Amino acid sequence: MAQMLSFQTVARYQQRVRAVAPLVHCMTNEVVTNWTANVLLAAGASPAMLADVQEAEAFAAVASALLINLGTLHQAQMQAMAAAVTSTQRAGKPWVLDPVAVGMLPLRTPFCRELLHEKPTVIRGNPSEILALAGEAASVRGPDSTQGSDEARPSAERLARELKTIVSVTGATDYITDGERTLAVNNGHPLLQRVTGTGCALSALVAAYVSTASSKNEILEAAASACTVFAVAGKAAAQKALDRNEGPGSFAVYLLDALATLDETTLESKMQK
């Protein structure tokens, strides 16, 4: 049975991120670079978006964590990503893999499977992406999933055991698992699906949070805490937008505000609902 994190646990990891301001090296897709940086800044982390192969390799060693997002993948980016992952591994830093649209395109799918051999600290994907990584049939529409997180949960747990990593499959309910223990996050809002790059930004936030962890159990809790903070902020932002009869544009701004101002009282109250 999936467990829920306590408010105190989530608040502890949120406080760590705000105190440390981890430097997250985001090798992400061109559609969401600015949005991802703003989400990290609002949450208390520090973003960097280096993409050149030489700079990426050098910078990965000094960053707190690395995000690899395959959204707008091309050959030069693949070289830079591979070099950054190797440098991150050598430095003993965590890295997060966001396997955007894996399983449906000929360039990213084999490259993603190569990256799995480099032992990502966390894999964060939608249900179709996680099913594809697990070698199962998946239904996709572009980068979006047409399947639910409940369907992908068993595959996520198996994948986590096989790769000895943390797998986060996000959807109506987020499941974050190490293959033995599974945590659930239920606090999101449908408006999160109406803004481009929310999943990509969440992967960057997961990287920020796991950079503050020092054990596998802490990595699991930190990843789930990032999902919880993002979902709670999304719920608060959606409530504000809907109360004012506003839509996705206002919601995106309110989401940044909610991440920046989220206090323990709001976190606790919205986690309980």
C-alpha atoms as a PDB file:
ATOM      1  CA  MET A   1       0.000   0.000   0.000  1.00  0.00           C
ATOM      2  CA  ALA A   2       1.291   3.452  -0.901  1.00  0.00           C
ATOM      3  CA  GLN A   3       2.078   5.754   2.000  1.00  0.00           C
ATOM      4  CA  MET A   4       1.630   9.490   2.401  1.00  0.00           C
ATOM      5  CA  LEU A   5       4.465  11.622   3.701  1.00  0.00           C
ATOM      6  CA  SER A   6       3.831  13.547   6.882  1.00  0.00           C
ATOM      7  CA  PHE A   7       3.607  17.315   6.786  1.00  0.00           C
ATOM      8  CA  GLN A   8       6.687  17.483   9.021  1.00  0.00           C
ATOM      9  CA  THR A   9       8.779  15.454   6.558  1.00  0.00           C
ATOM     10  CA  VAL A  10       7.832  17.596   3.571  1.00  0.00           C
ATOM     11  CA  ALA A  11       8.439  20.783   5.539  1.00  0.00           C
ATOM     12  CA  ARG A  12      11.894  19.528   6.547  1.00  0.00           C
ATOM     13  CA  TYR A  13      13.008  19.055   2.939  1.00  0.00           C
ATOM     14  CA  GLN A  14      11.458  22.361   1.900  1.00  0.00           C
ATOM     15  CA  GLN A  15      13.454  24.100   4.636  1.00  0.00           C
ATOM     16  CA  ARG A  16      16.641  22.381   3.485  1.00  0.00           C
ATOM     17  CA  VAL A  17      16.222  23.592  -0.091  1.00  0.00           C
ATOM     18  CA  ARG A  18      15.499  27.144   0.986  1.00  0.00           C
ATOM     19  CA  ALA A  19      18.461  27.145   3.361  1.00  0.00           C
ATOM     20  CA  VAL A  20      20.979  25.656   0.926  1.00  0.00           C
ATOM     21  CA  ALA A  21      19.673  27.074  -2.396  1.00  0.00           C
ATOM     22  CA  PRO A  22      21.070  24.119  -4.382  1.00  0.00           C
ATOM     23  CA  LEU A  23      22.541  24.874  -7.782  1.00  0.00           C
ATOM     24  CA  VAL A  24      20.702  22.744 -10.334  1.00  0.00           C
ATOM     25  CA  HIS A  25      22.260  22.231 -13.753  1.00  0.00           C
ATOM     26  CA  CYS A  26      19.280  21.927 -16.102  1.00  0.00           C
ATOM     27  CA  MET A  27      19.928  20.349 -19.480  1.00  0.00           C
ATOM     28  CA  THR A  28      16.345  20.660 -20.549  1.00  0.00           C
ATOM     29  CA  ASN A  29      14.234  21.301 -23.594  1.00  0.00           C
ATOM     30  CA  GLU A  30      14.126  24.603 -25.416  1.00  0.00           C
ATOM     31  CA  VAL A  31      10.408  25.095 -24.825  1.00  0.00           C
ATOM     32  CA  VAL A  32      10.637  25.304 -21.038  1.00  0.00           C
ATOM     33  CA  THR A  33      14.041  26.748 -20.156  1.00  0.00           C
ATOM     34  CA  ASN A  34      12.811  30.066 -18.772  1.00  0.00           C
ATOM     35  CA  TRP A  35       9.819  28.508 -17.019  1.00  0.00           C
ATOM     36  CA  THR A  36      11.980  25.846 -15.362  1.00  0.00           C
ATOM     37  CA  ALA A  37      14.456  28.459 -14.140  1.00  0.00           C
ATOM     38  CA  ASN A  38      11.655  30.545 -12.664  1.00  0.00           C
ATOM     39  CA  VAL A  39      10.140  27.551 -10.863  1.00  0.00           C
ATOM     40  CA  LEU A  40      13.495  26.731  -9.276  1.00  0.00           C
ATOM     41  CA  LEU A  41      14.045  30.339  -8.221  1.00  0.00           C
ATOM     42  CA  ALA A  42      10.553  30.564  -6.741  1.00  0.00           C
ATOM     43  CA  ALA A  43      11.144  27.371  -4.755  1.00  0.00           C
ATOM     44  CA  GLY A  44      14.419  28.643  -3.322  1.00  0.00           C
ATOM     45  CA  ALA A  45      16.893  26.843  -5.588  1.00  0.00           C
ATOM     46  CA  SER A  46      19.351  28.270  -8.121  1.00  0.00           C
ATOM     47  CA  PRO A  47      19.155  27.308 -11.830  1.00  0.00           C
ATOM     48  CA  ALA A  48      21.862  27.047 -14.471  1.00  0.00           C
ATOM     49  CA  MET A  49      21.197  26.201 -18.115  1.00  0.00           C
ATOM     50  CA  LEU A  50      24.586  25.408 -19.677  1.00  0.00           C
ATOM     51  CA  ALA A  51      24.390  23.422 -22.912  1.00  0.00           C
ATOM     52  CA  ASP A  52      27.811  23.431 -24.621  1.00  0.00           C
ATOM     53  CA  VAL A  53      29.534  20.066 -24.324  1.00  0.00           C
ATOM     54  CA  GLN A  54      32.748  21.414 -22.757  1.00  0.00           C
ATOM     55  CA  GLU A  55      31.017  23.785 -20.355  1.00  0.00           C
ATOM     56  CA  ALA A  56      28.368  21.212 -19.429  1.00  0.00           C
ATOM     57  CA  GLU A  57      31.014  18.651 -18.510  1.00  0.00           C
ATOM     58  CA  ALA A  58      32.966  21.119 -16.377  1.00  0.00           C
ATOM     59  CA  PHE A  59      29.943  22.665 -14.707  1.00  0.00           C
ATOM     60  CA  ALA A  60      28.257  19.375 -13.823  1.00  0.00           C
ATOM     61  CA  ALA A  61      31.064  18.634 -11.382  1.00  0.00           C
ATOM     62  CA  VAL A  62      30.384  21.756  -9.321  1.00  0.00           C
ATOM     63  CA  ALA A  63      26.572  21.854  -9.493  1.00  0.00           C
ATOM     64  CA  SER A  64      24.506  20.397  -6.666  1.00  0.00           C
ATOM     65  CA  ALA A  65      22.473  18.230  -9.057  1.00  0.00           C
ATOM     66  CA  LEU A  66      21.878  17.619 -12.754  1.00  0.00           C
ATOM     67  CA  LEU A  67      18.625  17.380 -14.694  1.00  0.00           C
ATOM     68  CA  ILE A  68      18.551  15.579 -18.045  1.00  0.00           C
ATOM     69  CA  ASN A  69      15.339  16.297 -19.972  1.00  0.00           C
ATOM     70  CA  LEU A  70      14.966  14.811 -23.452  1.00  0.00           C
ATOM     71  CA  GLY A  71      12.189  17.112 -24.671  1.00  0.00           C
ATOM     72  CA  THR A  72      13.860  18.710 -27.733  1.00  0.00           C
ATOM     73  CA  LEU A  73      16.715  16.292 -28.159  1.00  0.00           C
ATOM     74  CA  HIS A  74      19.336  16.672 -30.921  1.00  0.00           C
ATOM     75  CA  GLN A  75      22.777  15.224 -31.607  1.00  0.00           C
ATOM     76  CA  ALA A  76      24.863  18.024 -30.102  1.00  0.00           C
ATOM     77  CA  GLN A  77      22.721  17.994 -26.978  1.00  0.00           C
ATOM     78  CA  MET A  78      23.151  14.231 -26.652  1.00  0.00           C
ATOM     79  CA  GLN A  79      26.936  14.639 -26.562  1.00  0.00           C
ATOM     80  CA  ALA A  80      26.719  17.363 -23.939  1.00  0.00           C
ATOM     81  CA  MET A  81      24.264  15.365 -21.833  1.00  0.00           C
ATOM     82  CA  ALA A  82      26.417  12.231 -21.899  1.00  0.00           C
ATOM     83  CA  ALA A  83      29.475  14.248 -20.845  1.00  0.00           C
ATOM     84  CA  ALA A  84      27.555  15.980 -18.062  1.00  0.00           C
ATOM     85  CA  VAL A  85      26.197  12.698 -16.709  1.00  0.00           C
ATOM     86  CA  THR A  86      29.686  11.183 -16.631  1.00  0.00           C
ATOM     87  CA  SER A  87      31.049  14.243 -14.844  1.00  0.00           C
ATOM     88  CA  THR A  88      28.179  14.228 -12.352  1.00  0.00           C
ATOM     89  CA  GLN A  89      28.688  10.555 -11.604  1.00  0.00           C
ATOM     90  CA  ARG A  90      32.404  11.099 -11.108  1.00  0.00           C
ATOM     91  CA  ALA A  91      31.687  13.914  -8.645  1.00  0.00           C
ATOM     92  CA  GLY A  92      29.200  11.800  -6.713  1.00  0.00           C
ATOM     93  CA  LYS A  93      26.315  14.199  -7.346  1.00  0.00           C
ATOM     94  CA  PRO A  94      22.686  13.183  -7.983  1.00  0.00           C
ATOM     95  CA  TRP A  95      21.011  13.410 -11.367  1.00  0.00           C
ATOM     96  CA  VAL A  96      17.426  13.155 -12.547  1.00  0.00           C
ATOM     97  CA  LEU A  97      16.277  11.722 -15.872  1.00  0.00           C
ATOM     98  CA  ASP A  98      13.094  13.042 -17.478  1.00  0.00           C
ATOM     99  CA  PRO A  99      12.506  10.675 -20.449  1.00  0.00           C
ATOM    100  CA  VAL A 100      10.180  12.909 -22.464  1.00  0.00           C
ATOM    101  CA  ALA A 101       8.308  10.976 -25.199  1.00  0.00           C
ATOM    102  CA  VAL A 102      10.557   7.932 -24.840  1.00  0.00           C
ATOM    103  CA  GLY A 103       9.324   4.841 -26.624  1.00  0.00           C
ATOM    104  CA  MET A 104       7.818   6.589 -29.646  1.00  0.00           C
ATOM    105  CA  LEU A 105      10.782   8.200 -31.449  1.00  0.00           C
ATOM    106  CA  PRO A 106      13.960   6.640 -32.894  1.00  0.00           C
ATOM    107  CA  LEU A 107      16.567   9.085 -31.532  1.00  0.00           C
ATOM    108  CA  ARG A 108      15.607   9.479 -27.898  1.00  0.00           C
ATOM    109  CA  THR A 109      14.589   5.908 -27.114  1.00  0.00           C
ATOM    110  CA  PRO A 110      17.995   4.201 -27.593  1.00  0.00           C
ATOM    111  CA  PHE A 111      19.758   7.220 -26.076  1.00  0.00           C
ATOM    112  CA  CYS A 112      17.536   7.041 -23.033  1.00  0.00           C
ATOM    113  CA  ARG A 113      18.285   3.348 -22.605  1.00  0.00           C
ATOM    114  CA  GLU A 114      21.999   4.163 -22.728  1.00  0.00           C
ATOM    115  CA  LEU A 115      21.474   6.733 -19.979  1.00  0.00           C
ATOM    116  CA  LEU A 116      19.792   4.127 -17.792  1.00  0.00           C
ATOM    117  CA  HIS A 117      23.170   2.329 -17.595  1.00  0.00           C
ATOM    118  CA  GLU A 118      24.543   5.466 -15.916  1.00  0.00           C
ATOM    119  CA  LYS A 119      22.244   4.902 -12.919  1.00  0.00           C
ATOM    120  CA  PRO A 120      20.041   7.998 -12.633  1.00  0.00           C
ATOM    121  CA  THR A 121      19.301   8.925  -9.047  1.00  0.00           C
ATOM    122  CA  VAL A 122      15.652   9.512  -9.927  1.00  0.00           C
ATOM    123  CA  ILE A 123      13.590   8.891 -13.050  1.00  0.00           C
ATOM    124  CA  ARG A 124      10.587  11.228 -13.257  1.00  0.00           C
ATOM    125  CA  GLY A 125       8.101  10.642 -16.048  1.00  0.00           C
ATOM    126  CA  ASN A 126       4.462  10.400 -16.998  1.00  0.00           C
ATOM    127  CA  PRO A 127       2.729   6.993 -17.060  1.00  0.00           C
ATOM    128  CA  SER A 128       3.362   6.293 -20.753  1.00  0.00           C
ATOM    129  CA  GLU A 129       7.064   7.133 -20.429  1.00  0.00           C
ATOM    130  CA  ILE A 130       7.509   4.889 -17.403  1.00  0.00           C
ATOM    131  CA  LEU A 131       5.652   2.042 -19.101  1.00  0.00           C
ATOM    132  CA  ALA A 132       7.867   2.427 -22.177  1.00  0.00           C
ATOM    133  CA  LEU A 133      11.044   2.370 -20.083  1.00  0.00           C
ATOM    134  CA  ALA A 134       9.780  -0.786 -18.407  1.00  0.00           C
ATOM    135  CA  GLY A 135       9.393  -2.400 -21.831  1.00  0.00           C
ATOM    136  CA  GLU A 136       5.601  -2.404 -21.836  1.00  0.00           C
ATOM    137  CA  ALA A 137       3.063  -1.104 -24.327  1.00  0.00           C
ATOM    138  CA  ALA A 138       2.237   2.540 -23.789  1.00  0.00           C
ATOM    139  CA  SER A 139      -0.219   4.937 -25.368  1.00  0.00           C
ATOM    140  CA  VAL A 140       1.059   8.448 -26.028  1.00  0.00           C
ATOM    141  CA  ARG A 141       0.025  11.651 -27.741  1.00  0.00           C
ATOM    142  CA  GLY A 142       3.172  13.675 -28.353  1.00  0.00           C
ATOM    143  CA  PRO A 143       4.829  14.213 -24.963  1.00  0.00           C
ATOM    144  CA  ASP A 144       1.556  13.542 -23.121  1.00  0.00           C
ATOM    145  CA  SER A 145       0.330  10.323 -21.600  1.00  0.00           C
ATOM    146  CA  THR A 146      -3.073   8.848 -22.324  1.00  0.00           C
ATOM    147  CA  GLN A 147      -2.724   6.408 -19.436  1.00  0.00           C
ATOM    148  CA  GLY A 148      -3.105   6.915 -15.709  1.00  0.00           C
ATOM    149  CA  SER A 149      -0.476   6.733 -13.010  1.00  0.00           C
ATOM    150  CA  ASP A 150      -2.341   3.868 -11.312  1.00  0.00           C
ATOM    151  CA  GLU A 151      -1.799   1.768 -14.444  1.00  0.00           C
ATOM    152  CA  ALA A 152       1.934   2.530 -14.454  1.00  0.00           C
ATOM    153  CA  ARG A 153       2.576   2.084 -10.738  1.00  0.00           C
ATOM    154  CA  PRO A 154       3.471  -1.663 -10.878  1.00  0.00           C
ATOM    155  CA  SER A 155       5.870  -0.988 -13.755  1.00  0.00           C
ATOM    156  CA  ALA A 156       7.423   1.917 -11.860  1.00  0.00           C
ATOM    157  CA  GLU A 157       8.008  -0.321  -8.839  1.00  0.00           C
ATOM    158  CA  ARG A 158       9.538  -3.059 -10.970  1.00  0.00           C
ATOM    159  CA  LEU A 159      11.741  -0.581 -12.840  1.00  0.00           C
ATOM    160  CA  ALA A 160      12.955   0.891  -9.559  1.00  0.00           C
ATOM    161  CA  ARG A 161      13.918  -2.554  -8.280  1.00  0.00           C
ATOM    162  CA  GLU A 162      15.669  -3.553 -11.486  1.00  0.00           C
ATOM    163  CA  LEU A 163      17.656  -0.332 -11.793  1.00  0.00           C
ATOM    164  CA  LYS A 164      18.112   0.189  -8.054  1.00  0.00           C
ATOM    165  CA  THR A 165      16.888   3.737  -8.346  1.00  0.00           C
ATOM    166  CA  ILE A 166      13.910   5.921  -7.467  1.00  0.00           C
ATOM    167  CA  VAL A 167      11.092   6.148 -10.005  1.00  0.00           C
ATOM    168  CA  SER A 168       8.457   8.860  -9.878  1.00  0.00           C
ATOM    169  CA  VAL A 169       5.413   8.411 -12.097  1.00  0.00           C
ATOM    170  CA  THR A 170       3.237  11.493 -12.028  1.00  0.00           C
ATOM    171  CA  GLY A 171      -0.408  11.970 -12.883  1.00  0.00           C
ATOM    172  CA  ALA A 172      -3.685  12.407 -11.015  1.00  0.00           C
ATOM    173  CA  THR A 173      -1.818  10.690  -8.189  1.00  0.00           C
ATOM    174  CA  ASP A 174       1.967  10.771  -8.115  1.00  0.00           C
ATOM    175  CA  TYR A 175       3.712   7.555  -7.092  1.00  0.00           C
ATOM    176  CA  ILE A 176       7.325   7.725  -5.976  1.00  0.00           C
ATOM    177  CA  THR A 177       8.974   4.381  -5.331  1.00  0.00           C
ATOM    178  CA  ASP A 178      12.262   2.631  -4.661  1.00  0.00           C
ATOM    179  CA  GLY A 179      10.662  -0.694  -5.583  1.00  0.00           C
ATOM    180  CA  GLU A 180       9.972  -1.655  -1.989  1.00  0.00           C
ATOM    181  CA  ARG A 181       8.413   1.452  -0.470  1.00  0.00           C
ATOM    182  CA  THR A 182       5.966   3.552  -2.469  1.00  0.00           C
ATOM    183  CA  LEU A 183       4.840   7.055  -1.542  1.00  0.00           C
ATOM    184  CA  ALA A 184       1.730   8.741  -2.946  1.00  0.00           C
ATOM    185  CA  VAL A 185       0.969  12.424  -3.552  1.00  0.00           C
ATOM    186  CA  ASN A 186      -2.678  13.350  -4.164  1.00  0.00           C
ATOM    187  CA  ASN A 187      -2.698  17.134  -3.932  1.00  0.00           C
ATOM    188  CA  GLY A 188      -2.461  18.283  -7.544  1.00  0.00           C
ATOM    189  CA  HIS A 189      -4.934  20.171  -9.749  1.00  0.00           C
ATOM    190  CA  PRO A 190      -5.975  19.721 -13.423  1.00  0.00           C
ATOM    191  CA  LEU A 191      -4.789  23.252 -14.273  1.00  0.00           C
ATOM    192  CA  LEU A 192      -1.231  21.952 -13.934  1.00  0.00           C
ATOM    193  CA  GLN A 193      -1.857  20.163 -17.235  1.00  0.00           C
ATOM    194  CA  ARG A 194      -2.831  23.414 -18.956  1.00  0.00           C
ATOM    195  CA  VAL A 195       0.581  25.074 -18.703  1.00  0.00           C
ATOM    196  CA  THR A 196       3.469  23.912 -20.874  1.00  0.00           C
ATOM    197  CA  GLY A 197       6.396  22.434 -19.005  1.00  0.00           C
ATOM    198  CA  THR A 198       4.963  21.810 -15.550  1.00  0.00           C
ATOM    199  CA  GLY A 199       6.244  18.232 -15.603  1.00  0.00           C
ATOM    200  CA  CYS A 200       9.650  19.371 -16.859  1.00  0.00           C
ATOM    201  CA  ALA A 201       9.855  21.978 -14.101  1.00  0.00           C
ATOM    202  CA  LEU A 202       8.832  19.385 -11.526  1.00  0.00           C
ATOM    203  CA  SER A 203      11.755  17.192 -12.606  1.00  0.00           C
ATOM    204  CA  ALA A 204      14.107  20.122 -11.971  1.00  0.00           C
ATOM    205  CA  LEU A 205      12.525  20.653  -8.559  1.00  0.00           C
ATOM    206  CA  VAL A 206      13.031  16.970  -7.773  1.00  0.00           C
ATOM    207  CA  ALA A 207      16.718  17.404  -8.623  1.00  0.00           C
ATOM    208  CA  ALA A 208      16.938  20.345  -6.227  1.00  0.00           C
ATOM    209  CA  TYR A 209      15.306  18.400  -3.417  1.00  0.00           C
ATOM    210  CA  VAL A 210      17.288  15.175  -3.814  1.00  0.00           C
ATOM    211  CA  SER A 211      20.532  17.170  -3.736  1.00  0.00           C
ATOM    212  CA  THR A 212      19.815  17.705  -0.018  1.00  0.00           C
ATOM    213  CA  ALA A 213      19.452  13.967   0.681  1.00  0.00           C
ATOM    214  CA  SER A 214      22.183  11.717   2.034  1.00  0.00           C
ATOM    215  CA  SER A 215      20.713   8.192   1.812  1.00  0.00           C
ATOM    216  CA  LYS A 216      18.433   6.206  -0.490  1.00  0.00           C
ATOM    217  CA  ASN A 217      15.537   6.555   1.941  1.00  0.00           C
ATOM    218  CA  GLU A 218      16.113  10.299   2.090  1.00  0.00           C
ATOM    219  CA  ILE A 219      16.248  10.477  -1.708  1.00  0.00           C
ATOM    220  CA  LEU A 220      12.846   8.771  -1.852  1.00  0.00           C
ATOM    221  CA  GLU A 221      11.401  11.185   0.697  1.00  0.00           C
ATOM    222  CA  ALA A 222      13.024  14.210  -0.914  1.00  0.00           C
ATOM    223  CA  ALA A 223      11.639  13.323  -4.357  1.00  0.00           C
ATOM    224  CA  ALA A 224       8.165  12.830  -2.889  1.00  0.00           C
ATOM    225  CA  SER A 225       8.497  16.094  -0.967  1.00  0.00           C
ATOM    226  CA  ALA A 226       9.261  17.961  -4.196  1.00  0.00           C
ATOM    227  CA  CYS A 227       6.152  16.450  -5.786  1.00  0.00           C
ATOM    228  CA  THR A 228       4.107  17.408  -2.726  1.00  0.00           C
ATOM    229  CA  VAL A 229       5.311  21.012  -2.616  1.00  0.00           C
ATOM    230  CA  PHE A 230       4.661  21.422  -6.331  1.00  0.00           C
ATOM    231  CA  ALA A 231       1.186  19.871  -6.073  1.00  0.00           C
ATOM    232  CA  VAL A 232       0.198  21.942  -3.044  1.00  0.00           C
ATOM    233  CA  ALA A 233       1.421  25.121  -4.733  1.00  0.00           C
ATOM    234  CA  GLY A 234      -0.568  24.112  -7.816  1.00  0.00           C
ATOM    235  CA  LYS A 235      -3.690  23.655  -5.733  1.00  0.00           C
ATOM    236  CA  ALA A 236      -3.246  27.046  -4.068  1.00  0.00           C
ATOM    237  CA  ALA A 237      -2.610  28.745  -7.421  1.00  0.00           C
ATOM    238  CA  ALA A 238      -5.628  27.081  -9.025  1.00  0.00           C
ATOM    239  CA  GLN A 239      -7.882  28.159  -6.187  1.00  0.00           C
ATOM    240  CA  LYS A 240      -6.765  31.758  -6.606  1.00  0.00           C
ATOM    241  CA  ALA A 241      -7.229  31.693 -10.394  1.00  0.00           C
ATOM    242  CA  LEU A 242     -10.667  30.081 -10.217  1.00  0.00           C
ATOM    243  CA  ASP A 243     -11.830  32.422  -7.468  1.00  0.00           C
ATOM    244  CA  ARG A 244     -11.043  35.303  -9.836  1.00  0.00           C
ATOM    245  CA  ASN A 245     -12.536  33.573 -12.881  1.00  0.00           C
ATOM    246  CA  GLU A 246      -9.108  33.456 -14.541  1.00  0.00           C
ATOM    247  CA  GLY A 247      -7.386  30.796 -16.609  1.00  0.00           C
ATOM    248  CA  PRO A 248      -4.032  29.112 -17.302  1.00  0.00           C
ATOM    249  CA  GLY A 249      -2.083  32.340 -17.899  1.00  0.00           C
ATOM    250  CA  SER A 250      -2.865  33.746 -14.488  1.00  0.00           C
ATOM    251  CA  PHE A 251      -2.512  30.310 -12.948  1.00  0.00           C
ATOM    252  CA  ALA A 252       1.114  30.067 -14.151  1.00  0.00           C
ATOM    253  CA  VAL A 253       2.003  33.338 -12.421  1.00  0.00           C
ATOM    254  CA  TYR A 254       0.126  32.340  -9.279  1.00  0.00           C
ATOM    255  CA  LEU A 255       1.997  29.020  -9.252  1.00  0.00           C
ATOM    256  CA  LEU A 256       5.345  30.823  -9.070  1.00  0.00           C
ATOM    257  CA  ASP A 257       3.966  33.051  -6.316  1.00  0.00           C
ATOM    258  CA  ALA A 258       2.638  30.040  -4.423  1.00  0.00           C
ATOM    259  CA  LEU A 259       5.993  28.249  -4.579  1.00  0.00           C
ATOM    260  CA  ALA A 260       7.773  31.353  -3.303  1.00  0.00           C
ATOM    261  CA  THR A 261       5.357  32.077  -0.452  1.00  0.00           C
ATOM    262  CA  LEU A 262       4.348  28.565   0.596  1.00  0.00           C
ATOM    263  CA  ASP A 263       4.586  28.430   4.377  1.00  0.00           C
ATOM    264  CA  GLU A 264       4.165  25.577   6.815  1.00  0.00           C
ATOM    265  CA  THR A 265       0.594  26.537   7.701  1.00  0.00           C
ATOM    266  CA  THR A 266      -0.554  26.424   4.076  1.00  0.00           C
ATOM    267  CA  LEU A 267       1.442  23.268   3.409  1.00  0.00           C
ATOM    268  CA  GLU A 268      -0.100  21.480   6.360  1.00  0.00           C
ATOM    269  CA  SER A 269      -3.674  22.585   5.668  1.00  0.00           C
ATOM    270  CA  LYS A 270      -3.637  21.689   1.972  1.00  0.00           C
ATOM    271  CA  MET A 271      -1.907  18.347   2.543  1.00  0.00           C
ATOM    272  CA  GLN A 272      -4.771  17.401   4.852  1.00  0.00           C
ATOM    273  CA  LYS A 273      -7.484  18.032   2.254  1.00  0.00           C
END
